Amino acid sequence: MRILSSATLISPQQARRLPPIVHLTDSNRLSSSKVPINFYTLFPSSIPLGPPPKGPFTIDPRALQREFFGLQQKSHPDTPLHVRTADGPSSAFINKAYTTLRGPLSRAQYLLSLRGINIEDDEMLKINDQELLMEVLETQEEIEGAQQEEDLEPLKKANDERIIKSLEVLEEAFAADDLDTAKVEAVRLKYWTNLAETLKHWEKGKPIVLVH
């Protein structure tokens, strides 16, 4: 790009041979920044194979956290300029990617969303599994009937086993690119995750409200 001062004189013939003037706008600046294709591309060290089916569903949380801290240091506004990556993703984007991939449920939901599937909007997924609903309701009644925290230990153990089983199913489903199984199991995992939170924050006499 040539920069001409207002004092420069050129002939009409020379003007026709000059490249067009480019005005630097905000959109020009944004287009040059390195925006990741998806959250997985931000973490090449901890998730080298990328998302399933090529890469595994399970992620090493400690490795992910270490890489996240490194990325945050390079992108945070308080970081010195010689360390910061000016054209990289924002600190907010990195934080969103990390929190999404860190948890198995949010990770499964994100992977499905990349394929156009939103389990939050699919009400049929929530009501078709009557066996699941009955199991959730029975567990809810047992929680409500608990008199002390020790009464919850068998329920916590059973729910932990449900979560482990769901994660195994999701691992296999995503590896096989079986999205139908993955979305059904993601809904089940959401119930078990909500149940785990309910058990964690139990208080005697407090109403039990499970978010479906």
N, C-alpha and C. Protein backbone atom coordinates (compact mmCIF):
# COMPACT_ATOMS: atom_id res chain seq x y z
N MET A 1 0.86 -1.19 0.00
CA MET A 1 0.00 0.00 0.00
C MET A 1 0.88 1.23 0.00
N ARG A 2 0.67 2.19 -0.95
CA ARG A 2 1.44 3.42 -1.00
C ARG A 2 0.74 4.50 -0.20
N ILE A 3 1.56 5.27 0.54
CA ILE A 3 1.01 6.38 1.32
C ILE A 3 1.53 7.67 0.72
N LEU A 4 0.64 8.52 0.23
CA LEU A 4 1.02 9.75 -0.43
C LEU A 4 0.62 10.92 0.44
N SER A 5 1.53 11.87 0.60
CA SER A 5 1.18 13.07 1.35
C SER A 5 0.36 13.98 0.48
N SER A 6 -0.32 14.93 1.13
CA SER A 6 -1.17 15.84 0.39
C SER A 6 -0.36 16.73 -0.54
N ALA A 7 0.96 16.83 -0.30
CA ALA A 7 1.80 17.69 -1.12
C ALA A 7 2.32 17.00 -2.36
N THR A 8 2.13 15.69 -2.46
CA THR A 8 2.64 14.94 -3.61
C THR A 8 1.79 15.24 -4.83
N LEU A 9 2.45 15.53 -5.94
CA LEU A 9 1.75 15.83 -7.19
C LEU A 9 1.96 14.67 -8.15
N ILE A 10 0.88 14.18 -8.73
CA ILE A 10 0.97 13.10 -9.69
C ILE A 10 0.14 13.45 -10.90
N SER A 11 0.49 12.85 -12.01
CA SER A 11 -0.25 13.10 -13.25
C SER A 11 -1.46 12.19 -13.30
N PRO A 12 -2.46 12.49 -14.14
CA PRO A 12 -3.62 11.60 -14.29
C PRO A 12 -3.21 10.20 -14.71
N GLN A 13 -2.16 10.07 -15.56
CA GLN A 13 -1.72 8.75 -16.01
C GLN A 13 -1.16 7.94 -14.85
N GLN A 14 -0.39 8.63 -13.96
CA GLN A 14 0.15 7.93 -12.79
C GLN A 14 -0.94 7.50 -11.82
N ALA A 15 -1.96 8.35 -11.68
CA ALA A 15 -3.06 8.05 -10.77
C ALA A 15 -3.80 6.79 -11.15
N ARG A 16 -3.94 6.59 -12.49
CA ARG A 16 -4.67 5.40 -12.94
C ARG A 16 -3.91 4.12 -12.62
N ARG A 17 -2.58 4.23 -12.49
CA ARG A 17 -1.78 3.04 -12.23
C ARG A 17 -1.64 2.73 -10.73
N LEU A 18 -2.08 3.64 -9.87
CA LEU A 18 -1.97 3.43 -8.42
C LEU A 18 -3.01 2.43 -7.93
N PRO A 19 -2.69 1.61 -6.93
CA PRO A 19 -3.69 0.70 -6.35
C PRO A 19 -4.76 1.49 -5.64
N PRO A 20 -5.95 0.92 -5.47
CA PRO A 20 -7.04 1.64 -4.80
C PRO A 20 -6.69 1.94 -3.35
N ILE A 21 -7.22 3.06 -2.85
CA ILE A 21 -6.99 3.44 -1.46
C ILE A 21 -7.82 2.54 -0.56
N VAL A 22 -7.19 2.00 0.48
CA VAL A 22 -7.88 1.13 1.44
C VAL A 22 -8.05 1.89 2.74
N HIS A 23 -9.28 2.04 3.19
CA HIS A 23 -9.58 2.69 4.45
C HIS A 23 -9.63 1.64 5.55
N LEU A 24 -8.82 1.80 6.58
CA LEU A 24 -8.77 0.82 7.68
C LEU A 24 -9.95 1.03 8.60
N THR A 25 -10.87 0.06 8.62
CA THR A 25 -12.06 0.13 9.46
C THR A 25 -11.96 -0.91 10.56
N ASP A 26 -12.93 -0.89 11.49
CA ASP A 26 -12.94 -1.88 12.57
C ASP A 26 -13.08 -3.29 12.02
N SER A 27 -13.88 -3.46 10.96
CA SER A 27 -14.06 -4.78 10.39
C SER A 27 -12.77 -5.30 9.80
N ASN A 28 -11.93 -4.39 9.20
CA ASN A 28 -10.64 -4.81 8.68
C ASN A 28 -9.75 -5.32 9.82
N ARG A 29 -9.78 -4.61 10.93
CA ARG A 29 -8.95 -5.02 12.07
C ARG A 29 -9.41 -6.36 12.63
N LEU A 30 -10.70 -6.55 12.75
CA LEU A 30 -11.22 -7.79 13.31
C LEU A 30 -10.93 -8.98 12.41
N SER A 31 -10.97 -8.76 11.10
CA SER A 31 -10.79 -9.88 10.18
C SER A 31 -9.39 -10.44 10.23
N SER A 32 -8.40 -9.63 10.71
CA SER A 32 -7.03 -10.10 10.78
C SER A 32 -6.73 -10.86 12.06
N SER A 33 -7.63 -10.81 13.04
CA SER A 33 -7.38 -11.51 14.30
C SER A 33 -7.59 -13.00 14.13
N LYS A 34 -6.92 -13.76 15.00
CA LYS A 34 -6.99 -15.21 14.90
C LYS A 34 -8.15 -15.72 15.73
N VAL A 35 -9.28 -15.92 15.11
CA VAL A 35 -10.45 -16.43 15.82
C VAL A 35 -10.51 -17.95 15.67
N PRO A 36 -10.49 -18.71 16.77
CA PRO A 36 -10.50 -20.16 16.69
C PRO A 36 -11.76 -20.70 16.01
N ILE A 37 -11.61 -21.81 15.32
CA ILE A 37 -12.75 -22.46 14.66
C ILE A 37 -13.72 -22.98 15.72
N ASN A 38 -13.21 -23.60 16.76
CA ASN A 38 -14.04 -24.05 17.86
C ASN A 38 -13.20 -24.05 19.13
N PHE A 39 -13.83 -24.34 20.24
CA PHE A 39 -13.15 -24.27 21.53
C PHE A 39 -11.95 -25.22 21.61
N TYR A 40 -12.04 -26.35 20.93
CA TYR A 40 -10.97 -27.35 21.02
C TYR A 40 -9.65 -26.83 20.44
N THR A 41 -9.73 -26.00 19.41
CA THR A 41 -8.51 -25.52 18.76
C THR A 41 -7.69 -24.61 19.67
N LEU A 42 -8.28 -24.13 20.74
CA LEU A 42 -7.56 -23.28 21.69
C LEU A 42 -6.58 -24.08 22.55
N PHE A 43 -6.78 -25.40 22.64
CA PHE A 43 -6.00 -26.21 23.58
C PHE A 43 -5.29 -27.36 22.86
N PRO A 44 -4.35 -27.05 21.97
CA PRO A 44 -3.68 -28.10 21.20
C PRO A 44 -2.79 -29.01 22.03
N SER A 45 -2.31 -28.53 23.17
CA SER A 45 -1.43 -29.35 24.00
C SER A 45 -2.22 -30.37 24.82
N SER A 46 -3.30 -29.91 25.45
CA SER A 46 -4.09 -30.81 26.31
C SER A 46 -5.11 -31.62 25.52
N ILE A 47 -5.50 -31.13 24.34
CA ILE A 47 -6.45 -31.87 23.50
C ILE A 47 -5.87 -31.93 22.08
N PRO A 48 -4.77 -32.64 21.89
CA PRO A 48 -4.06 -32.61 20.61
C PRO A 48 -4.85 -33.19 19.43
N LEU A 49 -5.75 -34.12 19.69
CA LEU A 49 -6.50 -34.75 18.60
C LEU A 49 -7.79 -34.01 18.26
N GLY A 50 -8.13 -33.00 19.05
CA GLY A 50 -9.34 -32.24 18.79
C GLY A 50 -10.59 -32.97 19.27
N PRO A 51 -11.75 -32.55 18.80
CA PRO A 51 -13.01 -33.13 19.27
C PRO A 51 -13.26 -34.52 18.69
N PRO A 52 -14.16 -35.29 19.29
CA PRO A 52 -14.55 -36.58 18.73
C PRO A 52 -15.18 -36.38 17.35
N PRO A 53 -15.17 -37.39 16.50
CA PRO A 53 -14.73 -38.77 16.76
C PRO A 53 -13.22 -39.00 16.66
N LYS A 54 -12.48 -38.02 16.13
CA LYS A 54 -11.03 -38.20 16.02
C LYS A 54 -10.38 -38.23 17.39
N GLY A 55 -10.76 -37.31 18.25
CA GLY A 55 -10.21 -37.28 19.60
C GLY A 55 -11.18 -37.89 20.59
N PRO A 56 -10.73 -38.17 21.80
CA PRO A 56 -11.60 -38.78 22.81
C PRO A 56 -12.54 -37.74 23.42
N PHE A 57 -13.63 -38.22 23.99
CA PHE A 57 -14.55 -37.34 24.71
C PHE A 57 -13.95 -36.91 26.04
N THR A 58 -13.27 -37.84 26.72
CA THR A 58 -12.67 -37.56 28.02
C THR A 58 -11.47 -36.63 27.86
N ILE A 59 -11.35 -35.67 28.77
CA ILE A 59 -10.27 -34.70 28.76
C ILE A 59 -9.55 -34.73 30.10
N ASP A 60 -8.23 -34.59 30.07
CA ASP A 60 -7.45 -34.50 31.31
C ASP A 60 -7.67 -33.10 31.89
N PRO A 61 -8.40 -32.99 33.01
CA PRO A 61 -8.73 -31.66 33.54
C PRO A 61 -7.52 -30.87 34.00
N ARG A 62 -6.49 -31.53 34.52
CA ARG A 62 -5.30 -30.81 34.99
C ARG A 62 -4.51 -30.24 33.82
N ALA A 63 -4.37 -31.01 32.76
CA ALA A 63 -3.66 -30.53 31.58
C ALA A 63 -4.42 -29.37 30.94
N LEU A 64 -5.74 -29.49 30.90
CA LEU A 64 -6.56 -28.42 30.35
C LEU A 64 -6.42 -27.15 31.17
N GLN A 65 -6.39 -27.29 32.48
CA GLN A 65 -6.27 -26.12 33.36
C GLN A 65 -4.92 -25.44 33.18
N ARG A 66 -3.86 -26.21 33.06
CA ARG A 66 -2.52 -25.63 32.86
C ARG A 66 -2.47 -24.82 31.56
N GLU A 67 -3.02 -25.39 30.50
CA GLU A 67 -2.99 -24.68 29.22
C GLU A 67 -3.89 -23.44 29.26
N PHE A 68 -4.98 -23.56 29.98
CA PHE A 68 -5.89 -22.41 30.15
C PHE A 68 -5.19 -21.26 30.85
N PHE A 69 -4.48 -21.55 31.92
CA PHE A 69 -3.77 -20.50 32.65
C PHE A 69 -2.74 -19.81 31.75
N GLY A 70 -2.06 -20.59 30.92
CA GLY A 70 -1.09 -20.02 30.01
C GLY A 70 -1.73 -19.10 28.99
N LEU A 71 -2.87 -19.51 28.47
CA LEU A 71 -3.59 -18.68 27.49
C LEU A 71 -4.11 -17.41 28.13
N GLN A 72 -4.60 -17.51 29.35
CA GLN A 72 -5.12 -16.34 30.04
C GLN A 72 -4.02 -15.32 30.29
N GLN A 73 -2.85 -15.80 30.62
CA GLN A 73 -1.73 -14.90 30.87
C GLN A 73 -1.39 -14.10 29.61
N LYS A 74 -1.48 -14.75 28.46
CA LYS A 74 -1.13 -14.08 27.21
C LYS A 74 -2.22 -13.14 26.71
N SER A 75 -3.43 -13.31 27.21
CA SER A 75 -4.54 -12.51 26.68
C SER A 75 -5.07 -11.48 27.66
N HIS A 76 -4.71 -11.59 28.94
CA HIS A 76 -5.29 -10.70 29.95
C HIS A 76 -4.81 -9.27 29.75
N PRO A 77 -5.70 -8.28 29.88
CA PRO A 77 -5.32 -6.87 29.69
C PRO A 77 -4.21 -6.40 30.62
N ASP A 78 -4.09 -7.00 31.81
CA ASP A 78 -3.07 -6.58 32.76
C ASP A 78 -1.69 -7.17 32.48
N THR A 79 -1.63 -8.10 31.52
CA THR A 79 -0.36 -8.72 31.18
C THR A 79 0.50 -7.74 30.37
N PRO A 80 1.80 -7.66 30.65
CA PRO A 80 2.67 -6.76 29.88
C PRO A 80 2.57 -7.01 28.38
N LEU A 81 2.73 -5.97 27.60
CA LEU A 81 2.54 -6.05 26.15
C LEU A 81 3.50 -7.04 25.50
N HIS A 82 4.71 -7.15 26.02
CA HIS A 82 5.68 -8.04 25.38
C HIS A 82 5.34 -9.52 25.60
N VAL A 83 4.43 -9.79 26.54
CA VAL A 83 3.99 -11.17 26.79
C VAL A 83 2.65 -11.44 26.15
N ARG A 84 1.81 -10.43 26.09
CA ARG A 84 0.45 -10.60 25.60
C ARG A 84 0.39 -10.91 24.11
N THR A 85 -0.57 -11.73 23.70
CA THR A 85 -0.81 -12.02 22.29
C THR A 85 -1.89 -11.07 21.81
N ALA A 86 -1.49 -10.07 21.02
CA ALA A 86 -2.42 -9.00 20.66
C ALA A 86 -3.53 -9.46 19.73
N ASP A 87 -3.18 -10.37 18.79
CA ASP A 87 -4.18 -10.75 17.79
C ASP A 87 -4.86 -12.07 18.11
N GLY A 88 -4.71 -12.57 19.32
CA GLY A 88 -5.35 -13.82 19.71
C GLY A 88 -6.75 -13.62 20.22
N PRO A 89 -7.43 -14.70 20.61
CA PRO A 89 -8.79 -14.59 21.16
C PRO A 89 -8.81 -13.84 22.47
N SER A 90 -9.95 -13.27 22.79
CA SER A 90 -10.07 -12.47 24.01
C SER A 90 -10.04 -13.35 25.25
N SER A 91 -9.76 -12.71 26.38
CA SER A 91 -9.76 -13.42 27.65
C SER A 91 -11.13 -14.02 27.95
N ALA A 92 -12.20 -13.30 27.60
CA ALA A 92 -13.56 -13.79 27.83
C ALA A 92 -13.84 -15.03 26.99
N PHE A 93 -13.36 -15.03 25.76
CA PHE A 93 -13.58 -16.19 24.88
C PHE A 93 -12.83 -17.41 25.41
N ILE A 94 -11.60 -17.21 25.87
CA ILE A 94 -10.80 -18.30 26.41
C ILE A 94 -11.47 -18.88 27.66
N ASN A 95 -11.98 -18.00 28.52
CA ASN A 95 -12.64 -18.44 29.74
C ASN A 95 -13.90 -19.25 29.42
N LYS A 96 -14.67 -18.79 28.43
CA LYS A 96 -15.88 -19.51 28.01
C LYS A 96 -15.52 -20.89 27.47
N ALA A 97 -14.47 -20.96 26.67
CA ALA A 97 -14.05 -22.24 26.11
C ALA A 97 -13.63 -23.20 27.22
N TYR A 98 -12.87 -22.69 28.18
CA TYR A 98 -12.38 -23.54 29.26
C TYR A 98 -13.52 -24.07 30.12
N THR A 99 -14.42 -23.18 30.54
CA THR A 99 -15.52 -23.62 31.41
C THR A 99 -16.45 -24.58 30.68
N THR A 100 -16.57 -24.44 29.38
CA THR A 100 -17.43 -25.34 28.59
C THR A 100 -16.81 -26.72 28.49
N LEU A 101 -15.53 -26.79 28.19
CA LEU A 101 -14.88 -28.08 27.98
C LEU A 101 -14.51 -28.78 29.28
N ARG A 102 -14.42 -28.02 30.37
CA ARG A 102 -14.01 -28.61 31.65
C ARG A 102 -15.03 -29.61 32.17
N GLY A 103 -16.31 -29.29 32.08
CA GLY A 103 -17.34 -30.16 32.63
C GLY A 103 -17.87 -31.14 31.60
N PRO A 104 -18.04 -32.41 31.95
CA PRO A 104 -18.53 -33.41 30.99
C PRO A 104 -19.88 -33.07 30.38
N LEU A 105 -20.81 -32.54 31.19
CA LEU A 105 -22.14 -32.22 30.66
C LEU A 105 -22.08 -31.07 29.66
N SER A 106 -21.44 -29.98 30.04
CA SER A 106 -21.35 -28.84 29.12
C SER A 106 -20.53 -29.20 27.89
N ARG A 107 -19.54 -30.08 28.05
CA ARG A 107 -18.74 -30.53 26.91
C ARG A 107 -19.59 -31.34 25.94
N ALA A 108 -20.40 -32.24 26.47
CA ALA A 108 -21.28 -33.04 25.62
C ALA A 108 -22.29 -32.16 24.90
N GLN A 109 -22.87 -31.20 25.62
CA GLN A 109 -23.82 -30.29 25.01
C GLN A 109 -23.17 -29.46 23.91
N TYR A 110 -21.93 -29.04 24.14
CA TYR A 110 -21.22 -28.24 23.14
C TYR A 110 -20.93 -29.08 21.90
N LEU A 111 -20.45 -30.31 22.08
CA LEU A 111 -20.17 -31.17 20.94
C LEU A 111 -21.42 -31.41 20.10
N LEU A 112 -22.55 -31.61 20.77
CA LEU A 112 -23.81 -31.80 20.05
C LEU A 112 -24.22 -30.52 19.34
N SER A 113 -23.98 -29.38 19.96
CA SER A 113 -24.35 -28.11 19.33
C SER A 113 -23.54 -27.86 18.07
N LEU A 114 -22.31 -28.37 18.02
CA LEU A 114 -21.49 -28.24 16.81
C LEU A 114 -22.11 -29.00 15.64
N ARG A 115 -22.95 -29.96 15.97
CA ARG A 115 -23.63 -30.77 14.93
C ARG A 115 -25.09 -30.36 14.78
N GLY A 116 -25.45 -29.22 15.35
CA GLY A 116 -26.80 -28.70 15.19
C GLY A 116 -27.83 -29.29 16.12
N ILE A 117 -27.41 -29.91 17.22
CA ILE A 117 -28.33 -30.54 18.16
C ILE A 117 -28.32 -29.77 19.48
N ASN A 118 -29.49 -29.31 19.92
CA ASN A 118 -29.61 -28.60 21.19
C ASN A 118 -30.58 -29.36 22.09
N ILE A 119 -30.04 -30.05 23.08
CA ILE A 119 -30.91 -30.87 23.94
C ILE A 119 -31.78 -30.01 24.83
N GLU A 120 -31.41 -28.76 25.04
CA GLU A 120 -32.23 -27.87 25.86
C GLU A 120 -33.56 -27.58 25.18
N ASP A 121 -33.57 -27.55 23.84
CA ASP A 121 -34.78 -27.21 23.10
C ASP A 121 -35.61 -28.43 22.73
N ASP A 122 -35.05 -29.62 22.88
CA ASP A 122 -35.75 -30.84 22.47
C ASP A 122 -36.51 -31.43 23.66
N GLU A 123 -37.75 -30.99 23.82
CA GLU A 123 -38.55 -31.45 24.96
C GLU A 123 -38.88 -32.93 24.87
N MET A 124 -38.95 -33.49 23.67
CA MET A 124 -39.28 -34.91 23.52
C MET A 124 -38.21 -35.79 24.16
N LEU A 125 -36.95 -35.33 24.13
CA LEU A 125 -35.89 -36.10 24.75
C LEU A 125 -36.09 -36.23 26.25
N LYS A 126 -36.77 -35.25 26.83
CA LYS A 126 -36.93 -35.21 28.28
C LYS A 126 -38.09 -36.06 28.78
N ILE A 127 -39.05 -36.34 27.93
CA ILE A 127 -40.25 -37.03 28.41
C ILE A 127 -40.41 -38.43 27.83
N ASN A 128 -39.61 -38.81 26.85
CA ASN A 128 -39.76 -40.12 26.21
C ASN A 128 -39.25 -41.25 27.08
N ASP A 129 -38.27 -40.99 27.92
CA ASP A 129 -37.67 -42.04 28.74
C ASP A 129 -38.41 -42.09 30.08
N GLN A 130 -39.48 -42.86 30.11
CA GLN A 130 -40.30 -42.97 31.33
C GLN A 130 -39.55 -43.66 32.45
N GLU A 131 -38.70 -44.61 32.11
CA GLU A 131 -37.92 -45.30 33.13
C GLU A 131 -36.98 -44.31 33.83
N LEU A 132 -36.39 -43.42 33.06
CA LEU A 132 -35.51 -42.39 33.62
C LEU A 132 -36.29 -41.47 34.55
N LEU A 133 -37.47 -41.02 34.11
CA LEU A 133 -38.27 -40.12 34.93
C LEU A 133 -38.68 -40.76 36.24
N MET A 134 -39.06 -42.03 36.20
CA MET A 134 -39.45 -42.73 37.41
C MET A 134 -38.28 -42.85 38.37
N GLU A 135 -37.09 -43.14 37.84
CA GLU A 135 -35.91 -43.27 38.68
C GLU A 135 -35.57 -41.93 39.36
N VAL A 136 -35.73 -40.85 38.60
CA VAL A 136 -35.44 -39.52 39.15
C VAL A 136 -36.45 -39.17 40.25
N LEU A 137 -37.74 -39.45 40.00
CA LEU A 137 -38.78 -39.13 40.98
C LEU A 137 -38.62 -39.95 42.26
N GLU A 138 -38.27 -41.21 42.11
CA GLU A 138 -38.06 -42.06 43.28
C GLU A 138 -36.88 -41.57 44.12
N THR A 139 -35.81 -41.17 43.43
CA THR A 139 -34.65 -40.64 44.14
C THR A 139 -35.00 -39.34 44.85
N GLN A 140 -35.81 -38.53 44.20
CA GLN A 140 -36.23 -37.27 44.81
C GLN A 140 -37.01 -37.52 46.10
N GLU A 141 -37.88 -38.51 46.08
CA GLU A 141 -38.65 -38.84 47.28
C GLU A 141 -37.74 -39.32 48.40
N GLU A 142 -36.71 -40.10 48.03
CA GLU A 142 -35.78 -40.58 49.05
C GLU A 142 -34.99 -39.42 49.67
N ILE A 143 -34.64 -38.45 48.86
CA ILE A 143 -33.91 -37.28 49.37
C ILE A 143 -34.81 -36.49 50.32
N GLU A 144 -36.05 -36.32 49.94
CA GLU A 144 -36.99 -35.58 50.77
C GLU A 144 -37.25 -36.29 52.10
N GLY A 145 -37.12 -37.62 52.10
CA GLY A 145 -37.37 -38.39 53.32
C GLY A 145 -36.15 -38.51 54.22
N ALA A 146 -35.01 -38.00 53.77
CA ALA A 146 -33.79 -38.09 54.58
C ALA A 146 -33.91 -37.23 55.84
N GLN A 147 -33.44 -37.77 56.96
CA GLN A 147 -33.49 -37.07 58.23
C GLN A 147 -32.14 -36.44 58.61
N GLN A 148 -31.07 -37.00 58.09
CA GLN A 148 -29.75 -36.47 58.37
C GLN A 148 -28.85 -36.73 57.14
N GLU A 149 -27.73 -36.04 57.10
CA GLU A 149 -26.87 -36.10 55.92
C GLU A 149 -26.34 -37.51 55.68
N GLU A 150 -26.16 -38.27 56.75
CA GLU A 150 -25.67 -39.64 56.58
C GLU A 150 -26.63 -40.49 55.77
N ASP A 151 -27.92 -40.14 55.80
CA ASP A 151 -28.91 -40.91 55.03
C ASP A 151 -28.71 -40.75 53.52
N LEU A 152 -27.97 -39.73 53.12
CA LEU A 152 -27.79 -39.44 51.70
C LEU A 152 -26.62 -40.21 51.08
N GLU A 153 -25.76 -40.80 51.93
CA GLU A 153 -24.56 -41.44 51.40
C GLU A 153 -24.86 -42.54 50.37
N PRO A 154 -25.83 -43.44 50.63
CA PRO A 154 -26.14 -44.44 49.62
C PRO A 154 -26.66 -43.82 48.31
N LEU A 155 -27.42 -42.71 48.44
CA LEU A 155 -27.94 -42.04 47.26
C LEU A 155 -26.81 -41.38 46.46
N LYS A 156 -25.84 -40.80 47.17
CA LYS A 156 -24.70 -40.18 46.49
C LYS A 156 -23.87 -41.23 45.76
N LYS A 157 -23.65 -42.37 46.41
CA LYS A 157 -22.88 -43.43 45.79
C LYS A 157 -23.58 -43.96 44.54
N ALA A 158 -24.88 -44.17 44.63
CA ALA A 158 -25.64 -44.66 43.48
C ALA A 158 -25.61 -43.66 42.34
N ASN A 159 -25.70 -42.37 42.68
CA ASN A 159 -25.71 -41.35 41.63
C ASN A 159 -24.34 -41.20 40.99
N ASP A 160 -23.28 -41.34 41.79
CA ASP A 160 -21.92 -41.31 41.23
C ASP A 160 -21.74 -42.43 40.21
N GLU A 161 -22.30 -43.58 40.51
CA GLU A 161 -22.21 -44.70 39.58
C GLU A 161 -22.99 -44.42 38.31
N ARG A 162 -24.13 -43.75 38.42
CA ARG A 162 -24.90 -43.38 37.24
C ARG A 162 -24.09 -42.43 36.34
N ILE A 163 -23.43 -41.47 36.96
CA ILE A 163 -22.64 -40.51 36.19
C ILE A 163 -21.49 -41.20 35.47
N ILE A 164 -20.81 -42.10 36.17
CA ILE A 164 -19.71 -42.84 35.55
C ILE A 164 -20.20 -43.64 34.35
N LYS A 165 -21.35 -44.28 34.50
CA LYS A 165 -21.93 -45.05 33.41
C LYS A 165 -22.29 -44.14 32.23
N SER A 166 -22.85 -42.99 32.51
CA SER A 166 -23.20 -42.05 31.43
C SER A 166 -21.97 -41.60 30.67
N LEU A 167 -20.89 -41.33 31.40
CA LEU A 167 -19.66 -40.89 30.75
C LEU A 167 -19.08 -41.98 29.86
N GLU A 168 -19.20 -43.23 30.29
CA GLU A 168 -18.73 -44.35 29.47
C GLU A 168 -19.55 -44.46 28.18
N VAL A 169 -20.87 -44.30 28.32
CA VAL A 169 -21.74 -44.36 27.14
C VAL A 169 -21.42 -43.22 26.18
N LEU A 170 -21.22 -42.02 26.72
CA LEU A 170 -20.91 -40.86 25.88
C LEU A 170 -19.57 -41.04 25.18
N GLU A 171 -18.59 -41.59 25.88
CA GLU A 171 -17.27 -41.84 25.27
C GLU A 171 -17.42 -42.73 24.04
N GLU A 172 -18.17 -43.81 24.20
CA GLU A 172 -18.36 -44.75 23.10
C GLU A 172 -19.20 -44.14 21.98
N ALA A 173 -20.23 -43.40 22.35
CA ALA A 173 -21.13 -42.82 21.36
C ALA A 173 -20.41 -41.78 20.50
N PHE A 174 -19.66 -40.89 21.12
CA PHE A 174 -18.95 -39.87 20.35
C PHE A 174 -17.84 -40.49 19.51
N ALA A 175 -17.18 -41.53 20.03
CA ALA A 175 -16.13 -42.20 19.27
C ALA A 175 -16.69 -42.83 17.99
N ALA A 176 -17.91 -43.33 18.10
CA ALA A 176 -18.57 -43.96 16.95
C ALA A 176 -19.37 -42.96 16.12
N ASP A 177 -19.34 -41.70 16.53
CA ASP A 177 -20.13 -40.64 15.87
C ASP A 177 -21.62 -40.99 15.87
N ASP A 178 -22.05 -41.64 16.97
CA ASP A 178 -23.45 -42.01 17.15
C ASP A 178 -24.16 -40.89 17.89
N LEU A 179 -24.65 -39.92 17.15
CA LEU A 179 -25.23 -38.73 17.76
C LEU A 179 -26.56 -39.00 18.44
N ASP A 180 -27.33 -39.98 17.92
CA ASP A 180 -28.61 -40.30 18.55
C ASP A 180 -28.40 -40.80 19.97
N THR A 181 -27.45 -41.72 20.14
CA THR A 181 -27.15 -42.22 21.48
C THR A 181 -26.56 -41.12 22.35
N ALA A 182 -25.70 -40.31 21.76
CA ALA A 182 -25.04 -39.24 22.52
C ALA A 182 -26.04 -38.23 23.07
N LYS A 183 -27.01 -37.86 22.27
CA LYS A 183 -27.95 -36.84 22.74
C LYS A 183 -28.88 -37.39 23.82
N VAL A 184 -29.28 -38.66 23.69
CA VAL A 184 -30.12 -39.27 24.72
C VAL A 184 -29.34 -39.39 26.03
N GLU A 185 -28.07 -39.81 25.93
CA GLU A 185 -27.27 -39.97 27.14
C GLU A 185 -26.91 -38.63 27.76
N ALA A 186 -26.78 -37.59 26.94
CA ALA A 186 -26.50 -36.26 27.47
C ALA A 186 -27.67 -35.77 28.33
N VAL A 187 -28.88 -36.11 27.92
CA VAL A 187 -30.06 -35.76 28.72
C VAL A 187 -30.02 -36.50 30.04
N ARG A 188 -29.68 -37.79 30.00
CA ARG A 188 -29.58 -38.58 31.25
C ARG A 188 -28.50 -37.98 32.16
N LEU A 189 -27.37 -37.62 31.58
CA LEU A 189 -26.29 -37.04 32.38
C LEU A 189 -26.72 -35.72 33.02
N LYS A 190 -27.55 -34.98 32.31
CA LYS A 190 -28.04 -33.72 32.88
C LYS A 190 -28.87 -33.98 34.14
N TYR A 191 -29.73 -35.01 34.11
CA TYR A 191 -30.51 -35.37 35.30
C TYR A 191 -29.59 -35.76 36.45
N TRP A 192 -28.60 -36.61 36.15
CA TRP A 192 -27.71 -37.09 37.22
C TRP A 192 -26.84 -35.96 37.77
N THR A 193 -26.44 -35.03 36.90
CA THR A 193 -25.64 -33.90 37.36
C THR A 193 -26.47 -32.98 38.26
N ASN A 194 -27.71 -32.74 37.88
CA ASN A 194 -28.60 -31.92 38.72
C ASN A 194 -28.87 -32.61 40.05
N LEU A 195 -29.01 -33.92 40.00
CA LEU A 195 -29.25 -34.70 41.22
C LEU A 195 -28.03 -34.62 42.15
N ALA A 196 -26.84 -34.66 41.57
CA ALA A 196 -25.62 -34.54 42.37
C ALA A 196 -25.56 -33.19 43.08
N GLU A 197 -25.96 -32.12 42.38
CA GLU A 197 -25.97 -30.80 42.99
C GLU A 197 -27.01 -30.72 44.12
N THR A 198 -28.15 -31.36 43.91
CA THR A 198 -29.18 -31.39 44.94
C THR A 198 -28.69 -32.10 46.19
N LEU A 199 -28.01 -33.23 46.00
CA LEU A 199 -27.47 -33.98 47.14
C LEU A 199 -26.37 -33.18 47.85
N LYS A 200 -25.59 -32.46 47.08
CA LYS A 200 -24.49 -31.68 47.65
C LYS A 200 -24.99 -30.55 48.54
N HIS A 201 -26.10 -29.94 48.15
CA HIS A 201 -26.60 -28.77 48.88
C HIS A 201 -27.85 -29.09 49.71
N TRP A 202 -28.01 -30.36 50.09
CA TRP A 202 -29.18 -30.79 50.85
C TRP A 202 -29.22 -30.12 52.22
N GLU A 203 -30.42 -29.72 52.61
CA GLU A 203 -30.68 -29.23 53.96
C GLU A 203 -32.00 -29.84 54.43
N LYS A 204 -32.03 -30.28 55.65
CA LYS A 204 -33.22 -30.92 56.18
C LYS A 204 -34.41 -29.96 56.14
N GLY A 205 -35.51 -30.45 55.58
CA GLY A 205 -36.73 -29.65 55.49
C GLY A 205 -36.78 -28.72 54.30
N LYS A 206 -35.69 -28.61 53.57
CA LYS A 206 -35.66 -27.72 52.41
C LYS A 206 -36.31 -28.42 51.23
N PRO A 207 -37.24 -27.76 50.52
CA PRO A 207 -37.90 -28.39 49.36
C PRO A 207 -36.88 -28.81 48.30
N ILE A 208 -37.14 -29.95 47.66
CA ILE A 208 -36.27 -30.46 46.62
C ILE A 208 -36.84 -30.05 45.26
N VAL A 209 -36.05 -29.33 44.49
CA VAL A 209 -36.48 -28.92 43.15
C VAL A 209 -35.40 -29.36 42.18
N LEU A 210 -35.70 -30.35 41.36
CA LEU A 210 -34.77 -30.84 40.36
C LEU A 210 -35.06 -30.16 39.03
N VAL A 211 -34.04 -29.52 38.45
CA VAL A 211 -34.19 -28.86 37.15
C VAL A 211 -34.01 -29.89 36.07
N HIS A 212 -35.05 -30.09 35.25
CA HIS A 212 -35.00 -31.09 34.19
C HIS A 212 -34.50 -30.47 32.90
